[in-house]
PDB file of N, CA and C in Angstrom:
ATOM      1  N   MET A   1     -14.646  27.484   5.257  1.00  0.00           N
ATOM      2  CA  MET A   1     -13.709  27.067   4.880  1.00  0.00           C
ATOM      3  C   MET A   1     -13.633  26.683   3.356  1.00  0.00           C
ATOM      4  N   GLU A   2     -14.726  26.436   2.743  1.00  0.00           N
ATOM      5  CA  GLU A   2     -14.947  26.047   1.516  1.00  0.00           C
ATOM      6  C   GLU A   2     -14.765  26.620   0.769  1.00  0.00           C
ATOM      7  N   THR A   3     -15.311  28.146   0.818  1.00  0.00           N
ATOM      8  CA  THR A   3     -14.556  29.724  -0.304  1.00  0.00           C
ATOM      9  C   THR A   3     -12.815  29.534   0.189  1.00  0.00           C
ATOM     10  N   GLY A   4     -12.290  29.161   1.303  1.00  0.00           N
ATOM     11  CA  GLY A   4     -11.032  29.286   0.992  1.00  0.00           C
ATOM     12  C   GLY A   4     -10.799  27.994   0.089  1.00  0.00           C
ATOM     13  N   ARG A   5     -11.060  26.952  -0.134  1.00  0.00           N
ATOM     14  CA  ARG A   5     -10.512  25.836  -0.621  1.00  0.00           C
ATOM     15  C   ARG A   5     -10.685  25.762  -2.144  1.00  0.00           C
ATOM     16  N   GLU A   6     -11.957  26.717  -2.178  1.00  0.00           N
ATOM     17  CA  GLU A   6     -12.185  27.476  -3.930  1.00  0.00           C
ATOM     18  C   GLU A   6     -11.455  28.043  -4.319  1.00  0.00           C
ATOM     19  N   ASP A   7     -10.852  29.141  -3.606  1.00  0.00           N
ATOM     20  CA  ASP A   7      -9.839  30.017  -3.825  1.00  0.00           C
ATOM     21  C   ASP A   7      -8.448  29.537  -3.976  1.00  0.00           C
ATOM     22  N   LEU A   8      -8.118  28.291  -3.412  1.00  0.00           N
ATOM     23  CA  LEU A   8      -7.082  27.597  -3.542  1.00  0.00           C
ATOM     24  C   LEU A   8      -6.856  27.022  -5.594  1.00  0.00           C
ATOM     25  N   ASP A   9      -8.322  26.188  -5.496  1.00  0.00           N
ATOM     26  CA  ASP A   9      -8.307  26.164  -7.089  1.00  0.00           C
ATOM     27  C   ASP A   9      -8.540  26.997  -7.314  1.00  0.00           C
ATOM     28  N   VAL A  10      -9.054  28.173  -7.607  1.00  0.00           N
ATOM     29  CA  VAL A  10      -8.676  28.734  -8.355  1.00  0.00           C
ATOM     30  C   VAL A  10      -7.250  29.808  -8.809  1.00  0.00           C
ATOM     31  N   ALA A  11      -6.405  29.491  -8.128  1.00  0.00           N
ATOM     32  CA  ALA A  11      -5.348  29.971  -7.924  1.00  0.00           C
ATOM     33  C   ALA A  11      -4.423  28.891  -9.159  1.00  0.00           C
ATOM     34  N   ARG A  12      -4.723  27.912  -8.375  1.00  0.00           N
ATOM     35  CA  ARG A  12      -4.261  26.294  -9.190  1.00  0.00           C
ATOM     36  C   ARG A  12      -4.527  26.801 -10.414  1.00  0.00           C
ATOM     37  N   LEU A  13      -5.593  26.783 -10.707  1.00  0.00           N
ATOM     38  CA  LEU A  13      -6.048  27.283 -12.758  1.00  0.00           C
ATOM     39  C   LEU A  13      -5.114  28.373 -13.265  1.00  0.00           C
ATOM     40  N   LEU A  14      -5.012  29.525 -12.359  1.00  0.00           N
ATOM     41  CA  LEU A  14      -4.962  30.904 -12.770  1.00  0.00           C
ATOM     42  C   LEU A  14      -3.181  30.682 -12.758  1.00  0.00           C
ATOM     43  N   LEU A  15      -2.595  29.275 -12.190  1.00  0.00           N
ATOM     44  CA  LEU A  15      -1.057  29.062 -11.981  1.00  0.00           C
ATOM     45  C   LEU A  15      -0.835  28.763 -13.549  1.00  0.00           C
ATOM     46  N   GLU A  16      -1.554  27.787 -14.140  1.00  0.00           N
ATOM     47  CA  GLU A  16      -1.999  26.891 -14.698  1.00  0.00           C
ATOM     48  C   GLU A  16      -2.285  27.704 -16.742  1.00  0.00           C
ATOM     49  N   GLN A  17      -3.021  28.640 -16.246  1.00  0.00           N
ATOM     50  CA  GLN A  17      -2.992  29.718 -17.262  1.00  0.00           C
ATOM     51  C   GLN A  17      -1.691  30.807 -17.695  1.00  0.00           C
ATOM     52  N   GLY A  18      -0.933  30.917 -16.333  1.00  0.00           N
ATOM     53  CA  GLY A  18       0.689  31.586 -16.351  1.00  0.00           C
ATOM     54  C   GLY A  18       0.469  33.078 -15.838  1.00  0.00           C
ATOM     55  N   LYS A  19      -0.950  33.709 -15.517  1.00  0.00           N
ATOM     56  CA  LYS A  19      -1.400  34.465 -14.716  1.00  0.00           C
ATOM     57  C   LYS A  19      -1.280  34.598 -13.037  1.00  0.00           C
ATOM     58  N   TYR A  20      -0.099  34.805 -12.708  1.00  0.00           N
ATOM     59  CA  TYR A  20       1.015  34.420 -12.123  1.00  0.00           C
ATOM     60  C   TYR A  20       1.224  35.579 -10.538  1.00  0.00           C
ATOM     61  N   SER A  21       0.244  36.622 -10.705  1.00  0.00           N
ATOM     62  CA  SER A  21       0.015  37.290 -10.270  1.00  0.00           C
ATOM     63  C   SER A  21      -1.463  37.406  -9.045  1.00  0.00           C
ATOM     64  N   HIS A  22      -1.814  36.941 -10.561  1.00  0.00           N
ATOM     65  CA  HIS A  22      -3.690  36.488 -10.005  1.00  0.00           C
ATOM     66  C   HIS A  22      -3.420  35.600  -8.839  1.00  0.00           C
ATOM     67  N   ALA A  23      -2.772  33.889  -9.032  1.00  0.00           N
ATOM     68  CA  ALA A  23      -2.406  32.718  -8.499  1.00  0.00           C
ATOM     69  C   ALA A  23      -1.808  33.282  -7.166  1.00  0.00           C
ATOM     70  N   CYS A  24      -0.816  34.187  -6.962  1.00  0.00           N
ATOM     71  CA  CYS A  24      -0.469  34.475  -5.973  1.00  0.00           C
ATOM     72  C   CYS A  24      -1.655  35.457  -4.922  1.00  0.00           C
ATOM     73  N   PHE A  25      -2.273  36.230  -5.317  1.00  0.00           N
ATOM     74  CA  PHE A  25      -3.421  37.199  -4.815  1.00  0.00           C
ATOM     75  C   PHE A  25      -4.235  35.893  -4.794  1.00  0.00           C
ATOM     76  N   CYS A  26      -5.086  34.865  -5.617  1.00  0.00           N
ATOM     77  CA  CYS A  26      -5.984  34.063  -4.740  1.00  0.00           C
ATOM     78  C   CYS A  26      -5.018  33.045  -3.493  1.00  0.00           C
ATOM     79  N   GLY A  27      -4.207  32.890  -3.809  1.00  0.00           N
ATOM     80  CA  GLY A  27      -3.320  32.267  -2.820  1.00  0.00           C
ATOM     81  C   GLY A  27      -3.362  32.490  -1.380  1.00  0.00           C
ATOM     82  N   GLN A  28      -3.276  34.072  -1.404  1.00  0.00           N
ATOM     83  CA  GLN A  28      -3.670  34.939  -0.290  1.00  0.00           C
ATOM     84  C   GLN A  28      -4.635  34.706   0.462  1.00  0.00           C
ATOM     85  N   GLN A  29      -6.026  35.128  -0.349  1.00  0.00           N
ATOM     86  CA  GLN A  29      -6.833  34.868  -0.389  1.00  0.00           C
ATOM     87  C   GLN A  29      -7.216  33.793   0.424  1.00  0.00           C
ATOM     88  N   ALA A  30      -7.162  33.016   0.145  1.00  0.00           N
ATOM     89  CA  ALA A  30      -7.726  31.491   0.283  1.00  0.00           C
ATOM     90  C   ALA A  30      -6.816  31.030   1.692  1.00  0.00           C
ATOM     91  N   ALA A  31      -5.470  31.422   2.122  1.00  0.00           N
ATOM     92  CA  ALA A  31      -5.381  31.360   3.469  1.00  0.00           C
ATOM     93  C   ALA A  31      -6.137  32.131   4.274  1.00  0.00           C
ATOM     94  N   GLU A  32      -6.018  33.153   3.966  1.00  0.00           N
ATOM     95  CA  GLU A  32      -7.355  34.169   4.718  1.00  0.00           C
ATOM     96  C   GLU A  32      -8.774  34.132   4.659  1.00  0.00           C
ATOM     97  N   LYS A  33      -9.174  33.144   4.403  1.00  0.00           N
ATOM     98  CA  LYS A  33     -10.592  33.156   4.463  1.00  0.00           C
ATOM     99  C   LYS A  33     -10.848  32.036   5.366  1.00  0.00           C
ATOM    100  N   ALA A  34      -9.532  30.909   4.880  1.00  0.00           N
ATOM    101  CA  ALA A  34      -9.542  29.814   5.669  1.00  0.00           C
ATOM    102  C   ALA A  34      -9.141  30.192   7.115  1.00  0.00           C
ATOM    103  N   LEU A  35      -8.567  31.189   7.828  1.00  0.00           N
ATOM    104  CA  LEU A  35      -8.537  31.594   9.036  1.00  0.00           C
ATOM    105  C   LEU A  35      -9.955  32.107   9.767  1.00  0.00           C
ATOM    106  N   ASN A  36     -10.173  33.170   8.533  1.00  0.00           N
ATOM    107  CA  ASN A  36     -11.992  33.679   9.142  1.00  0.00           C
ATOM    108  C   ASN A  36     -12.909  32.567   9.193  1.00  0.00           C
ATOM    109  N   ALA A  37     -12.952  31.273   8.222  1.00  0.00           N
ATOM    110  CA  ALA A  37     -14.138  30.609   8.614  1.00  0.00           C
ATOM    111  C   ALA A  37     -13.048  29.627  10.402  1.00  0.00           C
ATOM    112  N   LEU A  38     -11.628  29.820  10.484  1.00  0.00           N
ATOM    113  CA  LEU A  38     -11.885  29.092  11.435  1.00  0.00           C
ATOM    114  C   LEU A  38     -12.314  30.183  12.837  1.00  0.00           C
ATOM    115  N   TRP A  39     -11.774  31.509  12.813  1.00  0.00           N
ATOM    116  CA  TRP A  39     -12.823  31.980  13.982  1.00  0.00           C
ATOM    117  C   TRP A  39     -13.821  32.063  13.826  1.00  0.00           C
ATOM    118  N   TYR A  40     -15.086  32.380  12.998  1.00  0.00           N
ATOM    119  CA  TYR A  40     -16.177  31.625  13.045  1.00  0.00           C
ATOM    120  C   TYR A  40     -16.457  30.672  13.523  1.00  0.00           C
ATOM    121  N   GLY A  41     -15.616  29.529  13.214  1.00  0.00           N
ATOM    122  CA  GLY A  41     -15.906  28.181  13.898  1.00  0.00           C
ATOM    123  C   GLY A  41     -16.032  27.786  15.432  1.00  0.00           C
ATOM    124  N   ILE A  42     -14.899  28.800  16.270  1.00  0.00           N
ATOM    125  CA  ILE A  42     -14.894  29.153  17.068  1.00  0.00           C
ATOM    126  C   ILE A  42     -15.371  30.248  18.120  1.00  0.00           C
ATOM    127  N   GLY A  43     -16.417  30.792  17.027  1.00  0.00           N
ATOM    128  CA  GLY A  43     -17.422  31.699  17.737  1.00  0.00           C
ATOM    129  C   GLY A  43     -16.998  33.007  18.002  1.00  0.00           C
ATOM    130  N   ALA A  44     -15.766  32.830  17.345  1.00  0.00           N
ATOM    131  CA  ALA A  44     -15.461  34.798  17.183  1.00  0.00           C
ATOM    132  C   ALA A  44     -15.528  35.680  15.609  1.00  0.00           C
ATOM    133  N   ASP A  45     -15.409  37.028  15.816  1.00  0.00           N
ATOM    134  CA  ASP A  45     -15.520  37.542  14.926  1.00  0.00           C
ATOM    135  C   ASP A  45     -13.908  37.822  14.118  1.00  0.00           C
ATOM    136  N   PRO A  46     -13.520  37.528  13.166  1.00  0.00           N
ATOM    137  CA  PRO A  46     -12.369  38.103  12.429  1.00  0.00           C
ATOM    138  C   PRO A  46     -12.455  39.473  11.980  1.00  0.00           C
ATOM    139  N   TRP A  47     -11.257  40.524  12.436  1.00  0.00           N
ATOM    140  CA  TRP A  47     -11.148  41.457  11.631  1.00  0.00           C
ATOM    141  C   TRP A  47     -10.024  41.835  10.853  1.00  0.00           C
ATOM    142  N   GLY A  48     -10.016  42.433   9.880  1.00  0.00           N
ATOM    143  CA  GLY A  48      -8.772  42.516   9.052  1.00  0.00           C
ATOM    144  C   GLY A  48      -8.332  41.728   7.728  1.00  0.00           C
ATOM    145  N   HIS A  49      -7.030  41.885   7.081  1.00  0.00           N
ATOM    146  CA  HIS A  49      -6.881  41.050   6.276  1.00  0.00           C
ATOM    147  C   HIS A  49      -5.549  40.441   5.988  1.00  0.00           C
ATOM    148  N   SER A  50      -4.323  40.620   7.709  1.00  0.00           N
ATOM    149  CA  SER A  50      -3.665  40.301   7.688  1.00  0.00           C
ATOM    150  C   SER A  50      -3.292  39.167   8.057  1.00  0.00           C
ATOM    151  N   ILE A  51      -2.547  38.271   7.957  1.00  0.00           N
ATOM    152  CA  ILE A  51      -2.990  36.828   8.178  1.00  0.00           C
ATOM    153  C   ILE A  51      -2.056  36.349   9.069  1.00  0.00           C
ATOM    154  N   GLN A  52      -0.946  36.984   9.381  1.00  0.00           N
ATOM    155  CA  GLN A  52      -0.460  37.044  10.484  1.00  0.00           C
ATOM    156  C   GLN A  52      -0.834  37.455  11.582  1.00  0.00           C
ATOM    157  N   LYS A  53      -1.788  39.224  11.895  1.00  0.00           N
ATOM    158  CA  LYS A  53      -2.663  39.194  12.334  1.00  0.00           C
ATOM    159  C   LYS A  53      -4.254  38.520  13.209  1.00  0.00           C
ATOM    160  N   LEU A  54      -4.291  37.706  11.860  1.00  0.00           N
ATOM    161  CA  LEU A  54      -5.256  36.726  12.178  1.00  0.00           C
ATOM    162  C   LEU A  54      -4.889  35.729  13.212  1.00  0.00           C
ATOM    163  N   ILE A  55      -3.682  35.440  13.149  1.00  0.00           N
ATOM    164  CA  ILE A  55      -3.263  34.259  13.201  1.00  0.00           C
ATOM    165  C   ILE A  55      -3.429  34.574  15.046  1.00  0.00           C
ATOM    166  N   VAL A  56      -2.371  35.624  15.379  1.00  0.00           N
ATOM    167  CA  VAL A  56      -1.961  35.876  16.691  1.00  0.00           C
ATOM    168  C   VAL A  56      -2.710  36.640  17.346  1.00  0.00           C
ATOM    169  N   GLU A  57      -4.054  36.750  17.070  1.00  0.00           N
ATOM    170  CA  GLU A  57      -5.151  36.930  17.415  1.00  0.00           C
ATOM    171  C   GLU A  57      -6.024  36.097  17.709  1.00  0.00           C
ATOM    172  N   ILE A  58      -5.987  35.351  17.325  1.00  0.00           N
ATOM    173  CA  ILE A  58      -6.865  34.006  17.878  1.00  0.00           C
ATOM    174  C   ILE A  58      -7.667  34.460  19.099  1.00  0.00           C
ATOM    175  N   PRO A  59      -8.327  34.486  19.825  1.00  0.00           N
ATOM    176  CA  PRO A  59      -9.122  34.253  21.067  1.00  0.00           C
ATOM    177  C   PRO A  59      -8.896  33.040  21.689  1.00  0.00           C
ATOM    178  N   GLU A  60      -8.611  32.067  21.126  1.00  0.00           N
ATOM    179  CA  GLU A  60      -8.986  30.821  22.094  1.00  0.00           C
ATOM    180  C   GLU A  60      -7.396  30.553  21.782  1.00  0.00           C
ATOM    181  N   GLU A  61      -6.906  30.310  23.100  1.00  0.00           N
ATOM    182  CA  GLU A  61      -5.316  30.076  23.550  1.00  0.00           C
ATOM    183  C   GLU A  61      -4.939  28.950  22.673  1.00  0.00           C
ATOM    184  N   ARG A  62      -5.306  27.478  22.461  1.00  0.00           N
ATOM    185  CA  ARG A  62      -5.237  26.366  22.461  1.00  0.00           C
ATOM    186  C   ARG A  62      -5.591  26.095  20.490  1.00  0.00           C
ATOM    187  N   VAL A  63      -6.045  27.179  19.882  1.00  0.00           N
ATOM    188  CA  VAL A  63      -5.751  27.426  18.795  1.00  0.00           C
ATOM    189  C   VAL A  63      -5.143  28.180  18.036  1.00  0.00           C
ATOM    190  N   ARG A  64      -4.819  29.445  18.797  1.00  0.00           N
ATOM    191  CA  ARG A  64      -4.053  29.676  18.477  1.00  0.00           C
ATOM    192  C   ARG A  64      -2.358  29.249  18.243  1.00  0.00           C
ATOM    193  N   ALA A  65      -2.413  28.899  19.459  1.00  0.00           N
ATOM    194  CA  ALA A  65      -0.822  28.055  19.718  1.00  0.00           C
ATOM    195  C   ALA A  65      -0.766  27.143  18.296  1.00  0.00           C
ATOM    196  N   ALA A  66      -1.886  26.548  17.979  1.00  0.00           N
ATOM    197  CA  ALA A  66      -1.745  25.322  17.111  1.00  0.00           C
ATOM    198  C   ALA A  66      -1.486  25.943  15.744  1.00  0.00           C
ATOM    199  N   MET A  67      -1.991  27.585  15.414  1.00  0.00           N
ATOM    200  CA  MET A  67      -1.928  27.869  14.110  1.00  0.00           C
ATOM    201  C   MET A  67      -0.231  29.104  14.230  1.00  0.00           C
ATOM    202  N   GLU A  68      -0.102  29.257  15.161  1.00  0.00           N
ATOM    203  CA  GLU A  68       1.154  30.069  15.553  1.00  0.00           C
ATOM    204  C   GLU A  68       2.737  29.150  14.587  1.00  0.00           C
ATOM    205  N   SER A  69       2.339  28.334  14.206  1.00  0.00           N
ATOM    206  CA  SER A  69       3.160  27.245  13.939  1.00  0.00           C
ATOM    207  C   SER A  69       3.358  27.919  12.028  1.00  0.00           C
ATOM    208  N   ARG A  70       2.294  28.524  11.894  1.00  0.00           N
ATOM    209  CA  ARG A  70       2.156  29.393  10.394  1.00  0.00           C
ATOM    210  C   ARG A  70       2.635  30.487  10.280  1.00  0.00           C
ATOM    211  N   ILE A  71       2.772  30.886  11.561  1.00  0.00           N
ATOM    212  CA  ILE A  71       3.549  32.733  11.218  1.00  0.00           C
ATOM    213  C   ILE A  71       4.447  32.728  10.480  1.00  0.00           C
ATOM    214  N   GLU A  72       5.630  32.325  10.025  1.00  0.00           N
ATOM    215  CA  GLU A  72       6.166  32.719   9.036  1.00  0.00           C
ATOM    216  C   GLU A  72       5.463  32.614   7.424  1.00  0.00           C
ATOM    217  N   ASP A  73       4.699  31.516   7.568  1.00  0.00           N
ATOM    218  CA  ASP A  73       4.072  31.333   5.756  1.00  0.00           C
ATOM    219  C   ASP A  73       2.846  32.691   5.846  1.00  0.00           C
ATOM    220  N   ALA A  74       2.466  32.905   7.233  1.00  0.00           N
ATOM    221  CA  ALA A  74       1.409  34.100   7.067  1.00  0.00           C
ATOM    222  C   ALA A  74       2.035  35.382   6.465  1.00  0.00           C
ATOM    223  N   ALA A  75       3.279  35.631   6.899  1.00  0.00           N
ATOM    224  CA  ALA A  75       4.578  36.670   6.785  1.00  0.00           C
ATOM    225  C   ALA A  75       4.035  36.605   5.562  1.00  0.00           C
ATOM    226  N   PHE A  76       4.691  35.874   4.802  1.00  0.00           N
ATOM    227  CA  PHE A  76       5.296  35.361   3.249  1.00  0.00           C
ATOM    228  C   PHE A  76       3.895  35.871   2.678  1.00  0.00           C
ATOM    229  N   LEU A  77       3.076  35.244   2.860  1.00  0.00           N
ATOM    230  CA  LEU A  77       1.020  35.922   2.091  1.00  0.00           C
ATOM    231  C   LEU A  77       1.301  37.136   2.160  1.00  0.00           C
ATOM    232  N   ASP A  78       1.016  37.718   3.621  1.00  0.00           N
ATOM    233  CA  ASP A  78       1.066  39.130   3.647  1.00  0.00           C
ATOM    234  C   ASP A  78       1.549  39.698   2.344  1.00  0.00           C
ATOM    235  N   ARG A  79       2.639  39.601   1.919  1.00  0.00           N
ATOM    236  CA  ARG A  79       3.108  40.388   1.030  1.00  0.00           C
ATOM    237  C   ARG A  79       2.389  40.404   0.271  1.00  0.00           C
ATOM    238  N   PHE A  80       2.137  39.594  -0.556  1.00  0.00           N
ATOM    239  CA  PHE A  80       0.752  39.607  -2.183  1.00  0.00           C
ATOM    240  C   PHE A  80      -0.259  40.278  -1.964  1.00  0.00           C
ATOM    241  N   TYR A  81      -0.879  40.854  -0.490  1.00  0.00           N
ATOM    242  CA  TYR A  81      -2.281  41.282  -0.490  1.00  0.00           C
ATOM    243  C   TYR A  81      -2.312  42.317  -1.122  1.00  0.00           C
ATOM    244  N   ILE A  82      -1.905  43.485  -1.222  1.00  0.00           N
ATOM    245  CA  ILE A  82      -1.772  44.495  -1.913  1.00  0.00           C
ATOM    246  C   ILE A  82      -1.213  45.010  -3.733  1.00  0.00           C
ATOM    247  N   PRO A  83       0.283  44.730  -3.584  1.00  0.00           N
ATOM    248  CA  PRO A  83       1.154  44.733  -4.875  1.00  0.00           C
ATOM    249  C   PRO A  83       0.331  43.611  -5.941  1.00  0.00           C
ATOM    250  N   THR A  84      -0.517  42.408  -5.893  1.00  0.00           N
ATOM    251  CA  THR A  84      -0.911  41.525  -6.698  1.00  0.00           C
ATOM    252  C   THR A  84      -1.800  42.382  -7.549  1.00  0.00           C
ATOM    253  N   ARG A  85      -2.525  43.194  -6.941  1.00  0.00           N
ATOM    254  CA  ARG A  85      -3.520  43.355  -7.391  1.00  0.00           C
ATOM    255  C   ARG A  85      -3.547  45.078  -8.106  1.00  0.00           C
ATOM    256  N   TYR A  86      -2.931  45.694  -7.964  1.00  0.00           N
ATOM    257  CA  TYR A  86      -3.168  46.940  -7.788  1.00  0.00           C
ATOM    258  C   TYR A  86      -1.699  47.795  -9.286  1.00  0.00           C
ATOM    259  N   PRO A  87      -2.045  48.224 -10.409  1.00  0.00           N
ATOM    260  CA  PRO A  87      -0.825  48.935 -10.766  1.00  0.00           C
ATOM    261  C   PRO A  87      -0.093  49.652 -10.643  1.00  0.00           C
ATOM    262  N   ASN A  88      -0.232  50.072  -9.455  1.00  0.00           N
ATOM    263  CA  ASN A  88       0.544  50.868  -9.056  1.00  0.00           C
ATOM    264  C   ASN A  88       1.192  51.166  -7.913  1.00  0.00           C
ATOM    265  N   GLY A  89       1.222  49.385  -7.248  1.00  0.00           N
ATOM    266  CA  GLY A  89       1.928  48.815  -5.893  1.00  0.00           C
ATOM    267  C   GLY A  89       2.832  48.294  -5.672  1.00  0.00           C
ATOM    268  N   LEU A  90       3.920  48.689  -6.945  1.00  0.00           N
ATOM    269  CA  LEU A  90       5.129  48.367  -7.180  1.00  0.00           C
ATOM    270  C   LEU A  90       6.007  50.005  -7.858  1.00  0.00           C
ATOM    271  N   PRO A  91       6.398  50.842  -7.591  1.00  0.00           N
ATOM    272  CA  PRO A  91       6.973  51.377  -8.440  1.00  0.00           C
ATOM    273  C   PRO A  91       7.536  51.081  -9.929  1.00  0.00           C
ATOM    274  N   ASP A  92       6.850  51.354 -10.881  1.00  0.00           N
ATOM    275  CA  ASP A  92       7.094  51.531 -12.023  1.00  0.00           C
ATOM    276  C   ASP A  92       6.362  50.226 -12.562  1.00  0.00           C
ATOM    277  N   LEU A  93       5.936  48.777 -11.935  1.00  0.00           N
ATOM    278  CA  LEU A  93       6.050  47.860 -12.835  1.00  0.00           C
ATOM    279  C   LEU A  93       4.418  47.617 -11.922  1.00  0.00           C
ATOM    280  N   THR A  94       4.361  46.645 -12.967  1.00  0.00           N
ATOM    281  CA  THR A  94       2.413  45.991 -12.837  1.00  0.00           C
ATOM    282  C   THR A  94       2.882  44.699 -12.233  1.00  0.00           C
ATOM    283  N   PRO A  95       1.529  44.453 -11.760  1.00  0.00           N
ATOM    284  CA  PRO A  95       2.003  42.731 -11.432  1.00  0.00           C
ATOM    285  C   PRO A  95       2.100  42.072 -12.265  1.00  0.00           C
ATOM    286  N   GLY A  96       1.465  41.994 -13.368  1.00  0.00           N
ATOM    287  CA  GLY A  96       1.808  40.999 -14.631  1.00  0.00           C
ATOM    288  C   GLY A  96       3.453  41.118 -14.966  1.00  0.00           C
ATOM    289  N   LYS A  97       3.660  41.819 -14.564  1.00  0.00           N
ATOM    290  CA  LYS A  97       5.932  42.016 -14.877  1.00  0.00           C
ATOM    291  C   LYS A  97       6.406  41.869 -13.657  1.00  0.00           C
ATOM    292  N   THR A  98       5.629  41.710 -12.570  1.00  0.00           N
ATOM    293  CA  THR A  98       6.518  41.470 -11.197  1.00  0.00           C
ATOM    294  C   THR A  98       6.491  40.079 -10.762  1.00  0.00           C
ATOM    295  N   TYR A  99       5.570  39.307 -10.800  1.00  0.00           N
ATOM    296  CA  TYR A  99       5.640  37.532 -10.170  1.00  0.00           C
ATOM    297  C   TYR A  99       5.285  36.800 -11.282  1.00  0.00           C
ATOM    298  N   PHE A 100       6.666  35.358 -11.374  1.00  0.00           N
ATOM    299  CA  PHE A 100       6.289  34.707 -12.337  1.00  0.00           C
ATOM    300  C   PHE A 100       6.127  33.350 -11.430  1.00  0.00           C
ATOM    301  N   LYS A 101       6.252  32.413 -12.327  1.00  0.00           N
ATOM    302  CA  LYS A 101       5.733  31.094 -11.536  1.00  0.00           C
ATOM    303  C   LYS A 101       6.424  30.417 -10.446  1.00  0.00           C
ATOM    304  N   ARG A 102       7.037  30.565 -10.319  1.00  0.00           N
ATOM    305  CA  ARG A 102       8.013  30.204  -8.619  1.00  0.00           C
ATOM    306  C   ARG A 102       7.515  31.086  -7.508  1.00  0.00           C
ATOM    307  N   ASP A 103       6.843  32.514  -7.852  1.00  0.00           N
ATOM    308  CA  ASP A 103       5.926  33.272  -6.530  1.00  0.00           C
ATOM    309  C   ASP A 103       4.558  32.455  -6.770  1.00  0.00           C
ATOM    310  N   ALA A 104       4.119  31.932  -7.761  1.00  0.00           N
ATOM    311  CA  ALA A 104       2.183  31.670  -7.619  1.00  0.00           C
ATOM    312  C   ALA A 104       2.749  30.296  -7.019  1.00  0.00           C
ATOM    313  N   GLU A 105       4.022  29.377  -7.486  1.00  0.00           N
ATOM    314  CA  GLU A 105       4.013  28.123  -6.549  1.00  0.00           C
ATOM    315  C   GLU A 105       4.032  28.024  -5.174  1.00  0.00           C
ATOM    316  N   ALA A 106       4.771  29.034  -4.901  1.00  0.00           N
ATOM    317  CA  ALA A 106       5.184  29.024  -3.437  1.00  0.00           C
ATOM    318  C   ALA A 106       4.172  29.741  -2.260  1.00  0.00           C
ATOM    319  N   CYS A 107       3.067  30.660  -3.234  1.00  0.00           N
ATOM    320  CA  CYS A 107       2.304  31.059  -2.442  1.00  0.00           C
ATOM    321  C   CYS A 107       0.977  29.776  -2.650  1.00  0.00           C
ATOM    322  N   ILE A 108       0.888  29.312  -3.489  1.00  0.00           N
ATOM    323  CA  ILE A 108      -0.164  28.513  -3.367  1.00  0.00           C
ATOM    324  C   ILE A 108       0.374  27.089  -2.194  1.00  0.00           C
ATOM    325  N   GLY A 109       1.535  26.782  -2.623  1.00  0.00           N
ATOM    326  CA  GLY A 109       1.578  25.857  -1.378  1.00  0.00           C
ATOM    327  C   GLY A 109       1.620  26.596   0.079  1.00  0.00           C
ATOM    328  N   VAL A 110       2.414  27.496   0.780  1.00  0.00           N
ATOM    329  CA  VAL A 110       1.988  27.851   1.488  1.00  0.00           C
ATOM    330  C   VAL A 110       0.389  28.377   1.763  1.00  0.00           C
ATOM    331  N   ALA A 111      -0.001  28.653   0.996  1.00  0.00           N
ATOM    332  CA  ALA A 111      -1.609  28.678   1.133  1.00  0.00           C
ATOM    333  C   ALA A 111      -2.310  27.377   1.672  1.00  0.00           C
ATOM    334  N   GLU A 112      -1.825  26.259   0.831  1.00  0.00           N
ATOM    335  CA  GLU A 112      -2.455  24.881   1.352  1.00  0.00           C
ATOM    336  C   GLU A 112      -1.777  24.921   2.587  1.00  0.00           C
ATOM    337  N   ARG A 113      -0.824  25.086   2.997  1.00  0.00           N
ATOM    338  CA  ARG A 113      -0.342  24.880   4.633  1.00  0.00           C
ATOM    339  C   ARG A 113      -1.063  25.228   5.347  1.00  0.00           C
ATOM    340  N   ILE A 114      -1.946  26.839   5.120  1.00  0.00           N
ATOM    341  CA  ILE A 114      -2.110  27.002   6.136  1.00  0.00           C
ATOM    342  C   ILE A 114      -3.934  26.465   6.104  1.00  0.00           C
ATOM    343  N   VAL A 115      -4.518  26.884   5.016  1.00  0.00           N
ATOM    344  CA  VAL A 115      -5.848  26.212   4.979  1.00  0.00           C
ATOM    345  C   VAL A 115      -6.141  24.861   4.972  1.00  0.00           C
ATOM    346  N   GLU A 116      -4.784  23.961   5.482  1.00  0.00           N
ATOM    347  CA  GLU A 116      -4.772  22.411   5.941  1.00  0.00           C
ATOM    348  C   GLU A 116      -4.758  22.951   7.455  1.00  0.00           C
ATOM    349  N   THR A 117      -3.841  23.129   8.161  1.00  0.00           N
ATOM    350  CA  THR A 117      -3.833  23.556   9.331  1.00  0.00           C
ATOM    351  C   THR A 117      -5.698  24.340   9.931  1.00  0.00           C
ATOM    352  N   ALA A 118      -5.881  25.215   9.724  1.00  0.00           N
ATOM    353  CA  ALA A 118      -6.886  25.925   9.781  1.00  0.00           C
ATOM    354  C   ALA A 118      -8.300  24.773   9.785  1.00  0.00           C
ATOM    355  N   ALA A 119      -7.995  24.116   8.993  1.00  0.00           N
ATOM    356  CA  ALA A 119      -9.142  23.406   8.656  1.00  0.00           C
ATOM    357  C   ALA A 119      -9.641  22.195   9.774  1.00  0.00           C
ATOM    358  N   SER A 120      -8.147  21.572  10.567  1.00  0.00           N
ATOM    359  CA  SER A 120      -7.699  20.591  10.885  1.00  0.00           C
ATOM    360  C   SER A 120      -7.907  21.329  12.482  1.00  0.00           C
ATOM    361  N   LEU A 121      -8.420  22.605  12.521  1.00  0.00           N
ATOM    362  CA  LEU A 121      -8.492  23.062  13.874  1.00  0.00           C
ATOM    363  C   LEU A 121     -10.210  23.848  14.092  1.00  0.00           C
ATOM    364  N   VAL A 122     -11.201  23.580  13.235  1.00  0.00           N
ATOM    365  CA  VAL A 122     -12.423  23.905  13.188  1.00  0.00           C
ATOM    366  C   VAL A 122     -13.119  22.768  13.645  1.00  0.00           C
ATOM    367  N   PRO A 123     -13.324  23.309  15.189  1.00  0.00           N
ATOM    368  CA  PRO A 123     -14.562  22.404  15.982  1.00  0.00           C
ATOM    369  C   PRO A 123     -16.171  21.886  15.081  1.00  0.00           C
TER     370      PRO A 123
END
């Protein structure tokens, strides 16, 4: 969970510096890493990068049911995994010209909810 929280800290710093696409990516990574920590905490091995998938495939029913309240948040963050990092992730646009302050703020807010929910469920 510590690494996910560190990614949130980095996302906030990038937001302050106006590096919005990178802030979005770090927000996505924070949520992904928090879910990985949750999986490890219940003795399971996560696979993949989709936050939605990491939620719906949680092997422990009680934990999965609690995390499913964040499925729309997960879907929102999944959209930022590839196009925030690659100059050819979107046609004729680079990430730096595509993502704005409101995007980064939204990503960070959503990531915070996922990280905190996951943290509350780690045994």
